[in-house]
Protein backbone atom coordinates (compact mmCIF):
# COMPACT_ATOMS: atom_id res chain seq x y z
CA MET A 1 -9.83 32.19 -11.98
CA ALA A 2 -11.01 30.00 -8.81
CA LYS A 3 -13.29 31.43 -6.50
CA PRO A 4 -11.99 32.84 -2.95
CA ILE A 5 -12.55 30.36 -0.09
CA SER A 6 -13.10 31.77 3.92
CA GLN A 7 -10.31 31.42 6.06
CA ASN A 8 -12.88 28.85 7.78
CA GLU A 9 -13.14 26.82 4.81
CA ALA A 10 -9.36 27.03 4.16
CA ARG A 11 -8.66 26.18 7.98
CA ARG A 12 -10.97 23.10 7.83
CA LEU A 13 -9.28 21.88 4.28
CA ARG A 14 -6.07 22.29 5.84
CA LYS A 15 -6.86 20.29 8.67
CA GLN A 16 -8.61 17.50 6.50
CA VAL A 17 -5.32 17.21 4.34
CA GLN A 18 -3.02 16.97 7.23
CA PHE A 19 -5.17 14.01 8.41
CA LEU A 20 -5.58 12.19 5.21
CA THR A 21 -1.62 12.73 4.80
CA GLN A 22 -0.74 11.35 8.17
CA GLN A 23 -3.28 8.46 7.33
CA ILE A 24 -0.99 7.76 4.17
CA LYS A 25 1.85 7.76 6.04
CA ASN A 26 0.72 5.81 8.96
CA GLN A 27 -0.63 3.10 6.10
CA ARG A 28 3.14 3.19 4.25
CA LYS A 29 4.69 2.46 7.64
CA THR A 30 2.53 -0.10 8.86
CA TRP A 31 3.06 -1.90 5.16
CA LYS A 32 6.71 -1.32 5.37
CA GLN A 33 7.38 -2.84 8.27
CA GLU A 34 9.08 -6.56 8.37
CA TYR A 35 6.26 -9.10 8.99
CA VAL A 36 6.60 -11.07 11.96
CA GLY A 37 5.54 -14.84 12.17
CA VAL A 38 7.70 -18.14 10.92
CA GLU A 39 9.02 -18.16 7.34
CA ILE A 40 7.72 -21.73 6.13
CA TYR A 41 9.54 -21.31 2.47
CA ARG A 42 12.00 -19.35 0.99
CA PHE A 43 12.01 -19.56 -2.92
CA ASN A 44 14.54 -18.21 -5.22
CA ASP A 45 12.60 -16.91 -8.45
CA ARG A 46 14.15 -13.86 -10.25
CA ASP A 47 11.49 -12.66 -12.25
CA SER A 48 9.22 -12.69 -8.88
CA SER A 49 11.63 -11.03 -7.00
CA ILE A 50 11.99 -8.56 -9.24
CA ARG A 51 7.77 -7.86 -9.43
CA VAL A 52 7.57 -7.96 -5.61
CA ARG A 53 10.41 -5.24 -5.55
CA VAL A 54 8.75 -3.04 -8.10
CA ALA A 55 5.16 -3.61 -6.03
CA ARG A 56 7.12 -2.57 -2.73
CA LYS A 57 8.60 0.74 -4.39
CA LEU A 58 5.32 1.76 -6.08
CA GLY A 59 4.06 1.51 -2.35
CA HIS A 60 2.12 -1.34 -2.50
CA SER A 61 2.37 -4.27 0.35
CA VAL A 62 2.69 -8.15 -1.49
CA VAL A 63 0.77 -10.84 -0.25
CA VAL A 64 1.73 -14.81 -1.22
CA VAL A 65 -1.67 -16.44 -1.93
CA GLY A 66 -2.04 -20.26 -2.91
CA ASP A 67 -4.71 -21.83 -4.67
CA ASP A 68 -6.48 -24.51 -2.87
CA ASP A 69 -7.48 -26.21 -6.07
CA SER A 70 -4.21 -26.34 -8.00
CA ASP A 71 -0.39 -26.05 -7.14
CA MET A 72 -0.59 -22.46 -8.12
CA VAL A 73 1.04 -19.58 -5.90
CA ARG A 74 0.20 -15.78 -6.69
CA LEU A 75 1.85 -12.56 -5.76
CA VAL A 76 -0.73 -10.06 -5.12
CA ALA A 77 -0.17 -6.29 -4.71
CA LEU A 78 -2.31 -5.12 -2.18
CA PRO A 79 -4.19 -1.49 -3.43
CA HIS A 80 -1.91 1.66 -2.71
CA PRO A 81 -3.51 3.09 0.27
CA ALA A 82 -3.54 6.31 -1.73
CA GLN A 83 -5.59 5.11 -4.31
CA GLN A 84 -9.61 4.89 -3.63
CA VAL A 85 -10.83 1.44 -3.88
CA ILE A 86 -14.51 1.11 -6.09
């Protein structure tokens, strides 16, 4: 059975949960906004498109990274804000 906590502790935890919930909402809102800038290339690759859509639906931000040593282009899903990065 759970150990009872004081009202002060309950208020402190409630405020902490509200703060963290709002922080996650703000991060997701920022990530979901359309990026402003100049589009320099558009490609039509069904597999990449599906992978990007899946990552975005899971709440991840997706960044395109070019490799300086080769012609490789990588789509990278940034860590979800709700997941602690070690």
